[in-house]
PDB file of N, CA and C in Angstrom:
ATOM      1  N   UNK A   1       1.881  16.822  -0.864  1.00  0.00           N
ATOM      2  CA  UNK A   1       0.754  16.658  -0.765  1.00  0.00           C
ATOM      3  C   UNK A   1       0.433  15.562   1.251  1.00  0.00           C
ATOM      4  N   UNK A   2      -0.360  16.640   1.715  1.00  0.00           N
ATOM      5  CA  UNK A   2      -0.501  15.569   2.536  1.00  0.00           C
ATOM      6  C   UNK A   2      -1.675  14.391   2.445  1.00  0.00           C
ATOM      7  N   UNK A   3      -1.304  13.329   2.976  1.00  0.00           N
ATOM      8  CA  UNK A   3      -2.770  12.815   3.765  1.00  0.00           C
ATOM      9  C   UNK A   3      -2.879  12.662   4.666  1.00  0.00           C
ATOM     10  N   UNK A   4      -4.310  12.391   4.169  1.00  0.00           N
ATOM     11  CA  UNK A   4      -5.560  12.858   4.915  1.00  0.00           C
ATOM     12  C   UNK A   4      -5.857  11.897   6.188  1.00  0.00           C
ATOM     13  N   UNK A   5      -6.246  12.660   7.619  1.00  0.00           N
ATOM     14  CA  UNK A   5      -6.160  12.082   8.657  1.00  0.00           C
ATOM     15  C   UNK A   5      -6.754  10.859   8.498  1.00  0.00           C
ATOM     16  N   UNK A   6      -7.904  10.464   8.020  1.00  0.00           N
ATOM     17  CA  UNK A   6      -8.572   9.360   8.179  1.00  0.00           C
ATOM     18  C   UNK A   6      -8.197   8.315   7.759  1.00  0.00           C
ATOM     19  N   UNK A   7      -6.996   8.505   6.334  1.00  0.00           N
ATOM     20  CA  UNK A   7      -6.473   7.600   5.551  1.00  0.00           C
ATOM     21  C   UNK A   7      -5.763   6.881   6.244  1.00  0.00           C
ATOM     22  N   UNK A   8      -4.469   7.938   7.168  1.00  0.00           N
ATOM     23  CA  UNK A   8      -3.396   7.319   7.862  1.00  0.00           C
ATOM     24  C   UNK A   8      -3.692   6.403   8.396  1.00  0.00           C
ATOM     25  N   UNK A   9      -4.965   6.035  10.025  1.00  0.00           N
ATOM     26  CA  UNK A   9      -5.568   5.446  10.139  1.00  0.00           C
ATOM     27  C   UNK A   9      -5.479   3.818   9.410  1.00  0.00           C
ATOM     28  N   UNK A  10      -5.850   3.672   8.531  1.00  0.00           N
ATOM     29  CA  UNK A  10      -6.162   3.195   7.540  1.00  0.00           C
ATOM     30  C   UNK A  10      -4.831   2.451   6.889  1.00  0.00           C
ATOM     31  N   UNK A  11      -4.061   3.092   6.395  1.00  0.00           N
ATOM     32  CA  UNK A  11      -2.803   2.785   6.042  1.00  0.00           C
ATOM     33  C   UNK A  11      -1.962   1.942   6.527  1.00  0.00           C
ATOM     34  N   UNK A  12      -2.147   3.073   7.985  1.00  0.00           N
ATOM     35  CA  UNK A  12      -0.830   2.557   8.962  1.00  0.00           C
ATOM     36  C   UNK A  12      -1.347   1.187   9.227  1.00  0.00           C
ATOM     37  N   UNK A  13      -2.806   0.406   9.826  1.00  0.00           N
ATOM     38  CA  UNK A  13      -3.324  -0.919   9.201  1.00  0.00           C
ATOM     39  C   UNK A  13      -2.842  -1.844   8.676  1.00  0.00           C
ATOM     40  N   UNK A  14      -3.268  -1.223   7.099  1.00  0.00           N
ATOM     41  CA  UNK A  14      -2.642  -2.395   6.087  1.00  0.00           C
ATOM     42  C   UNK A  14      -1.400  -2.407   6.215  1.00  0.00           C
ATOM     43  N   UNK A  15      -0.351  -1.655   6.801  1.00  0.00           N
ATOM     44  CA  UNK A  15       1.380  -2.138   6.853  1.00  0.00           C
ATOM     45  C   UNK A  15       1.495  -2.606   7.841  1.00  0.00           C
ATOM     46  N   UNK A  16       0.734  -2.552   8.684  1.00  0.00           N
ATOM     47  CA  UNK A  16       1.174  -3.217   9.996  1.00  0.00           C
ATOM     48  C   UNK A  16       0.721  -5.190   9.829  1.00  0.00           C
ATOM     49  N   UNK A  17      -0.429  -4.882   9.128  1.00  0.00           N
ATOM     50  CA  UNK A  17      -0.794  -6.304   8.500  1.00  0.00           C
ATOM     51  C   UNK A  17      -0.239  -6.873   7.668  1.00  0.00           C
ATOM     52  N   UNK A  18       0.684  -6.232   6.692  1.00  0.00           N
ATOM     53  CA  UNK A  18       1.817  -6.393   5.895  1.00  0.00           C
ATOM     54  C   UNK A  18       2.965  -7.044   6.609  1.00  0.00           C
ATOM     55  N   UNK A  19       3.192  -6.178   7.815  1.00  0.00           N
ATOM     56  CA  UNK A  19       4.160  -6.573   8.500  1.00  0.00           C
ATOM     57  C   UNK A  19       4.104  -7.681   9.449  1.00  0.00           C
ATOM     58  N   UNK A  20       2.846  -8.148   9.743  1.00  0.00           N
ATOM     59  CA  UNK A  20       3.226  -9.242  10.523  1.00  0.00           C
ATOM     60  C   UNK A  20       2.525 -10.474   9.185  1.00  0.00           C
ATOM     61  N   UNK A  21       2.349 -10.383   8.346  1.00  0.00           N
ATOM     62  CA  UNK A  21       2.480 -11.330   7.095  1.00  0.00           C
ATOM     63  C   UNK A  21       3.998 -11.887   6.513  1.00  0.00           C
ATOM     64  N   UNK A  22       4.339 -10.340   6.419  1.00  0.00           N
ATOM     65  CA  UNK A  22       6.441 -10.918   6.174  1.00  0.00           C
ATOM     66  C   UNK A  22       6.841 -11.637   7.507  1.00  0.00           C
ATOM     67  N   UNK A  23       6.628 -11.264   8.836  1.00  0.00           N
ATOM     68  CA  UNK A  23       7.259 -11.464   9.424  1.00  0.00           C
ATOM     69  C   UNK A  23       6.584 -13.234  10.247  1.00  0.00           C
ATOM     70  N   UNK A  24       5.628 -13.635   9.781  1.00  0.00           N
ATOM     71  CA  UNK A  24       4.908 -14.813   9.093  1.00  0.00           C
ATOM     72  C   UNK A  24       5.792 -16.172   8.283  1.00  0.00           C
ATOM     73  N   UNK A  25       6.199 -14.781   7.069  1.00  0.00           N
ATOM     74  CA  UNK A  25       6.508 -15.646   5.862  1.00  0.00           C
ATOM     75  C   UNK A  25       8.454 -16.226   6.199  1.00  0.00           C
ATOM     76  N   UNK A  26       8.394 -14.993   6.937  1.00  0.00           N
ATOM     77  CA  UNK A  26      10.219 -15.233   7.331  1.00  0.00           C
ATOM     78  C   UNK A  26      10.339 -16.780   7.862  1.00  0.00           C
ATOM     79  N   UNK A  27       9.007 -16.863   8.708  1.00  0.00           N
ATOM     80  CA  UNK A  27       8.639 -17.851   9.603  1.00  0.00           C
ATOM     81  C   UNK A  27       8.651 -19.191   8.747  1.00  0.00           C
ATOM     82  N   UNK A  28       8.170 -19.181   8.210  1.00  0.00           N
ATOM     83  CA  UNK A  28       7.487 -20.520   7.422  1.00  0.00           C
ATOM     84  C   UNK A  28       8.988 -21.034   6.489  1.00  0.00           C
ATOM     85  N   UNK A  29       9.733 -19.865   5.836  1.00  0.00           N
ATOM     86  CA  UNK A  29      10.709 -20.142   5.087  1.00  0.00           C
ATOM     87  C   UNK A  29      11.641 -20.818   5.720  1.00  0.00           C
ATOM     88  N   UNK A  30      11.867 -20.372   7.028  1.00  0.00           N
ATOM     89  CA  UNK A  30      12.882 -20.675   8.160  1.00  0.00           C
ATOM     90  C   UNK A  30      13.029 -22.339   8.586  1.00  0.00           C
ATOM     91  N   UNK A  31      11.305 -22.106   8.597  1.00  0.00           N
ATOM     92  CA  UNK A  31      11.151 -23.787   9.348  1.00  0.00           C
ATOM     93  C   UNK A  31      10.899 -25.054   7.808  1.00  0.00           C
ATOM     94  N   UNK A  32      10.452 -24.514   6.858  1.00  0.00           N
ATOM     95  CA  UNK A  32      10.835 -25.242   5.461  1.00  0.00           C
ATOM     96  C   UNK A  32       9.115 -25.607   4.814  1.00  0.00           C
ATOM     97  N   UNK A  33       8.166 -24.832   5.599  1.00  0.00           N
ATOM     98  CA  UNK A  33       6.943 -24.696   4.853  1.00  0.00           C
ATOM     99  C   UNK A  33       7.429 -25.100   3.783  1.00  0.00           C
ATOM    100  N   UNK A  34       5.724 -25.511   2.904  1.00  0.00           N
ATOM    101  CA  UNK A  34       5.501 -26.141   1.343  1.00  0.00           C
ATOM    102  C   UNK A  34       5.380 -24.171   0.682  1.00  0.00           C
ATOM    103  N   UNK A  35       6.083 -24.818  -0.429  1.00  0.00           N
ATOM    104  CA  UNK A  35       6.269 -23.185  -1.544  1.00  0.00           C
ATOM    105  C   UNK A  35       4.631 -23.255  -1.407  1.00  0.00           C
ATOM    106  N   UNK A  36       3.766 -23.270  -1.922  1.00  0.00           N
ATOM    107  CA  UNK A  36       2.365 -23.209  -1.446  1.00  0.00           C
ATOM    108  C   UNK A  36       2.166 -21.993  -0.790  1.00  0.00           C
ATOM    109  N   UNK A  37       2.469 -22.776   0.038  1.00  0.00           N
ATOM    110  CA  UNK A  37       1.715 -22.223   1.662  1.00  0.00           C
ATOM    111  C   UNK A  37       2.550 -20.323   1.639  1.00  0.00           C
ATOM    112  N   UNK A  38       3.991 -20.731   1.087  1.00  0.00           N
ATOM    113  CA  UNK A  38       4.802 -19.356   1.277  1.00  0.00           C
ATOM    114  C   UNK A  38       4.361 -18.406   0.002  1.00  0.00           C
ATOM    115  N   UNK A  39       4.031 -18.777  -0.725  1.00  0.00           N
ATOM    116  CA  UNK A  39       3.857 -17.875  -2.444  1.00  0.00           C
ATOM    117  C   UNK A  39       2.272 -16.840  -1.703  1.00  0.00           C
ATOM    118  N   UNK A  40       1.131 -18.159  -1.008  1.00  0.00           N
ATOM    119  CA  UNK A  40      -0.230 -17.716  -0.718  1.00  0.00           C
ATOM    120  C   UNK A  40       0.326 -16.542   0.019  1.00  0.00           C
ATOM    121  N   UNK A  41       0.816 -16.570   1.290  1.00  0.00           N
ATOM    122  CA  UNK A  41       1.391 -15.494   1.978  1.00  0.00           C
ATOM    123  C   UNK A  41       1.755 -14.564   1.743  1.00  0.00           C
ATOM    124  N   UNK A  42       3.116 -14.613   0.750  1.00  0.00           N
ATOM    125  CA  UNK A  42       4.333 -13.578  -0.118  1.00  0.00           C
ATOM    126  C   UNK A  42       2.379 -12.789  -1.509  1.00  0.00           C
ATOM    127  N   UNK A  43       1.650 -13.548  -1.252  1.00  0.00           N
ATOM    128  CA  UNK A  43       0.534 -12.688  -2.451  1.00  0.00           C
ATOM    129  C   UNK A  43      -0.076 -11.823  -1.438  1.00  0.00           C
ATOM    130  N   UNK A  44      -0.336 -12.315  -0.174  1.00  0.00           N
ATOM    131  CA  UNK A  44      -1.245 -11.146   0.487  1.00  0.00           C
ATOM    132  C   UNK A  44      -0.539 -10.656   1.120  1.00  0.00           C
ATOM    133  N   UNK A  45       0.428 -10.301   1.357  1.00  0.00           N
ATOM    134  CA  UNK A  45       1.284  -9.710   2.145  1.00  0.00           C
ATOM    135  C   UNK A  45       1.479  -8.048   0.958  1.00  0.00           C
ATOM    136  N   UNK A  46       1.904  -8.846  -0.362  1.00  0.00           N
ATOM    137  CA  UNK A  46       2.077  -7.909  -1.394  1.00  0.00           C
ATOM    138  C   UNK A  46       0.857  -6.944  -1.839  1.00  0.00           C
ATOM    139  N   UNK A  47      -0.284  -7.748  -1.729  1.00  0.00           N
ATOM    140  CA  UNK A  47      -1.577  -7.339  -1.330  1.00  0.00           C
ATOM    141  C   UNK A  47      -1.797  -6.060  -1.150  1.00  0.00           C
ATOM    142  N   UNK A  48      -1.603  -6.624   0.553  1.00  0.00           N
ATOM    143  CA  UNK A  48      -1.962  -5.141   1.299  1.00  0.00           C
ATOM    144  C   UNK A  48      -1.146  -4.098   1.052  1.00  0.00           C
ATOM    145  N   UNK A  49       0.345  -4.020   0.772  1.00  0.00           N
ATOM    146  CA  UNK A  49       1.332  -3.081   0.467  1.00  0.00           C
ATOM    147  C   UNK A  49       0.212  -2.186  -1.050  1.00  0.00           C
ATOM    148  N   UNK A  50       0.250  -3.516  -1.122  1.00  0.00           N
ATOM    149  CA  UNK A  50      -0.016  -2.141  -2.846  1.00  0.00           C
ATOM    150  C   UNK A  50      -1.626  -1.429  -2.739  1.00  0.00           C
ATOM    151  N   UNK A  51      -2.498  -2.296  -1.885  1.00  0.00           N
ATOM    152  CA  UNK A  51      -4.033  -1.752  -1.107  1.00  0.00           C
ATOM    153  C   UNK A  51      -3.204  -0.513  -0.608  1.00  0.00           C
ATOM    154  N   UNK A  52      -2.532   0.252   0.533  1.00  0.00           N
ATOM    155  CA  UNK A  52      -1.839   0.991   1.227  1.00  0.00           C
ATOM    156  C   UNK A  52      -1.661   1.827   0.151  1.00  0.00           C
ATOM    157  N   UNK A  53      -0.771   1.631  -0.715  1.00  0.00           N
ATOM    158  CA  UNK A  53      -0.268   2.456  -1.886  1.00  0.00           C
ATOM    159  C   UNK A  53      -1.293   3.309  -2.698  1.00  0.00           C
ATOM    160  N   UNK A  54      -2.134   2.631  -2.955  1.00  0.00           N
ATOM    161  CA  UNK A  54      -3.976   2.601  -3.871  1.00  0.00           C
ATOM    162  C   UNK A  54      -4.289   3.907  -2.600  1.00  0.00           C
ATOM    163  N   UNK A  55      -4.613   3.764  -2.179  1.00  0.00           N
ATOM    164  CA  UNK A  55      -5.601   4.475  -0.546  1.00  0.00           C
ATOM    165  C   UNK A  55      -4.917   5.809  -0.603  1.00  0.00           C
ATOM    166  N   UNK A  56      -3.294   5.446  -0.948  1.00  0.00           N
ATOM    167  CA  UNK A  56      -2.798   6.841  -0.054  1.00  0.00           C
ATOM    168  C   UNK A  56      -2.662   7.196  -2.113  1.00  0.00           C
ATOM    169  N   UNK A  57      -2.630   7.291  -2.912  1.00  0.00           N
ATOM    170  CA  UNK A  57      -2.970   7.808  -4.182  1.00  0.00           C
ATOM    171  C   UNK A  57      -4.226   8.125  -4.195  1.00  0.00           C
ATOM    172  N   UNK A  58      -5.399   7.482  -3.957  1.00  0.00           N
ATOM    173  CA  UNK A  58      -6.964   7.924  -4.067  1.00  0.00           C
ATOM    174  C   UNK A  58      -6.824   9.006  -2.968  1.00  0.00           C
ATOM    175  N   UNK A  59      -5.955   9.368  -2.219  1.00  0.00           N
ATOM    176  CA  UNK A  59      -6.251  10.580  -0.947  1.00  0.00           C
ATOM    177  C   UNK A  59      -6.108  11.649  -1.344  1.00  0.00           C
ATOM    178  N   UNK A  60      -4.619  11.308  -2.218  1.00  0.00           N
ATOM    179  CA  UNK A  60      -3.875  12.433  -2.918  1.00  0.00           C
ATOM    180  C   UNK A  60      -4.764  13.564  -4.530  1.00  0.00           C
ATOM    181  N   UNK A  61      -5.668  12.517  -4.831  1.00  0.00           N
ATOM    182  CA  UNK A  61      -6.344  12.152  -6.009  1.00  0.00           C
ATOM    183  C   UNK A  61      -7.686  12.971  -5.500  1.00  0.00           C
ATOM    184  N   UNK A  62      -8.148  13.210  -4.283  1.00  0.00           N
ATOM    185  CA  UNK A  62      -8.998  13.689  -4.025  1.00  0.00           C
ATOM    186  C   UNK A  62      -8.811  15.198  -3.026  1.00  0.00           C
ATOM    187  N   UNK A  63      -7.668  14.972  -2.618  1.00  0.00           N
ATOM    188  CA  UNK A  63      -7.236  16.409  -2.658  1.00  0.00           C
ATOM    189  C   UNK A  63      -6.832  17.508  -3.695  1.00  0.00           C
ATOM    190  N   UNK A  64      -6.418  16.648  -4.910  1.00  0.00           N
ATOM    191  CA  UNK A  64      -6.115  17.824  -5.790  1.00  0.00           C
ATOM    192  C   UNK A  64      -7.061  18.322  -7.102  1.00  0.00           C
ATOM    193  N   UNK A  65      -8.342  17.380  -6.781  1.00  0.00           N
ATOM    194  CA  UNK A  65      -9.408  17.556  -7.530  1.00  0.00           C
ATOM    195  C   UNK A  65     -10.135  18.985  -6.870  1.00  0.00           C
ATOM    196  N   UNK A  66      -9.760  18.920  -5.353  1.00  0.00           N
ATOM    197  CA  UNK A  66     -10.556  19.543  -4.778  1.00  0.00           C
ATOM    198  C   UNK A  66     -10.129  21.059  -4.222  1.00  0.00           C
ATOM    199  N   UNK A  67      -8.875  21.015  -4.602  1.00  0.00           N
ATOM    200  CA  UNK A  67      -8.050  22.431  -4.763  1.00  0.00           C
ATOM    201  C   UNK A  67      -7.712  23.337  -5.770  1.00  0.00           C
ATOM    202  N   UNK A  68      -7.811  24.662  -5.817  1.00  0.00           N
ATOM    203  CA  UNK A  68      -7.307  24.866  -6.880  1.00  0.00           C
ATOM    204  C   UNK A  68      -6.188  25.048  -7.064  1.00  0.00           C
ATOM    205  N   UNK A  69      -5.227  24.947  -5.510  1.00  0.00           N
ATOM    206  CA  UNK A  69      -3.689  25.355  -5.443  1.00  0.00           C
ATOM    207  C   UNK A  69      -3.633  23.828  -5.447  1.00  0.00           C
ATOM    208  N   UNK A  70      -3.603  22.490  -6.373  1.00  0.00           N
ATOM    209  CA  UNK A  70      -3.247  21.366  -5.809  1.00  0.00           C
ATOM    210  C   UNK A  70      -2.042  21.383  -5.956  1.00  0.00           C
ATOM    211  N   UNK A  71      -1.652  20.332  -4.654  1.00  0.00           N
ATOM    212  CA  UNK A  71      -0.088  20.216  -4.436  1.00  0.00           C
ATOM    213  C   UNK A  71       0.565  19.109  -5.964  1.00  0.00           C
ATOM    214  N   UNK A  72      -0.153  18.871  -6.740  1.00  0.00           N
ATOM    215  CA  UNK A  72       0.375  18.264  -7.451  1.00  0.00           C
ATOM    216  C   UNK A  72      -0.234  18.407  -8.604  1.00  0.00           C
ATOM    217  N   UNK A  73       0.373  18.027  -9.888  1.00  0.00           N
ATOM    218  CA  UNK A  73      -0.521  18.593 -11.331  1.00  0.00           C
ATOM    219  C   UNK A  73      -1.167  17.375 -11.392  1.00  0.00           C
ATOM    220  N   UNK A  74      -1.975  16.840 -12.664  1.00  0.00           N
ATOM    221  CA  UNK A  74      -1.818  15.537 -13.098  1.00  0.00           C
ATOM    222  C   UNK A  74      -1.154  14.412 -14.074  1.00  0.00           C
ATOM    223  N   UNK A  75      -0.304  15.519 -14.468  1.00  0.00           N
ATOM    224  CA  UNK A  75       0.386  14.091 -14.796  1.00  0.00           C
ATOM    225  C   UNK A  75       1.508  13.783 -13.465  1.00  0.00           C
ATOM    226  N   UNK A  76       1.401  14.533 -12.268  1.00  0.00           N
ATOM    227  CA  UNK A  76       2.736  13.656 -11.627  1.00  0.00           C
ATOM    228  C   UNK A  76       1.625  12.655 -10.447  1.00  0.00           C
ATOM    229  N   UNK A  77       0.739  13.148 -10.367  1.00  0.00           N
ATOM    230  CA  UNK A  77      -0.652  12.144 -10.358  1.00  0.00           C
ATOM    231  C   UNK A  77      -0.416  10.627 -10.661  1.00  0.00           C
ATOM    232  N   UNK A  78      -0.686  10.973 -11.741  1.00  0.00           N
ATOM    233  CA  UNK A  78      -0.457   9.315 -13.039  1.00  0.00           C
ATOM    234  C   UNK A  78       0.707   8.646 -12.718  1.00  0.00           C
ATOM    235  N   UNK A  79       1.781   9.638 -12.719  1.00  0.00           N
ATOM    236  CA  UNK A  79       3.019   9.446 -12.572  1.00  0.00           C
ATOM    237  C   UNK A  79       3.353   8.365 -11.162  1.00  0.00           C
ATOM    238  N   UNK A  80       2.538   8.816 -10.263  1.00  0.00           N
ATOM    239  CA  UNK A  80       2.702   8.487  -8.703  1.00  0.00           C
ATOM    240  C   UNK A  80       2.029   6.769  -9.331  1.00  0.00           C
ATOM    241  N   UNK A  81       0.530   7.268  -9.856  1.00  0.00           N
ATOM    242  CA  UNK A  81      -0.114   6.003  -9.822  1.00  0.00           C
ATOM    243  C   UNK A  81       0.630   4.592 -10.341  1.00  0.00           C
ATOM    244  N   UNK A  82       0.535   5.122 -12.005  1.00  0.00           N
ATOM    245  CA  UNK A  82       1.590   4.209 -12.065  1.00  0.00           C
ATOM    246  C   UNK A  82       3.012   3.394 -11.647  1.00  0.00           C
ATOM    247  N   UNK A  83       3.508   3.905 -10.473  1.00  0.00           N
ATOM    248  CA  UNK A  83       4.226   3.727  -9.892  1.00  0.00           C
ATOM    249  C   UNK A  83       4.383   1.973  -9.356  1.00  0.00           C
ATOM    250  N   UNK A  84       2.959   2.234  -8.781  1.00  0.00           N
ATOM    251  CA  UNK A  84       2.489   1.162  -7.918  1.00  0.00           C
ATOM    252  C   UNK A  84       2.083   0.261  -8.857  1.00  0.00           C
ATOM    253  N   UNK A  85       2.087   0.049 -10.316  1.00  0.00           N
ATOM    254  CA  UNK A  85       1.804  -1.209 -11.076  1.00  0.00           C
ATOM    255  C   UNK A  85       3.023  -2.031 -11.162  1.00  0.00           C
TER     256      UNK A  85
END
């Protein structure tokens, strides 16, 4: 299964945002910021990564439901989706 071209840009943007957040989190930990601030940023980075994964799976679902010779079975898609949980 290939990720749709228009989805690639969105996924890369989300992952770059998460990378920036993770760099910020590292700086926060090293500088002794509060637990609340750190956990808030960890949650935001985690959500950005999760949303990138969901976007990729959604792209796969669209491909698999629109093709006769789908690259993945519904069971494989379900397993892939649940791996994000």
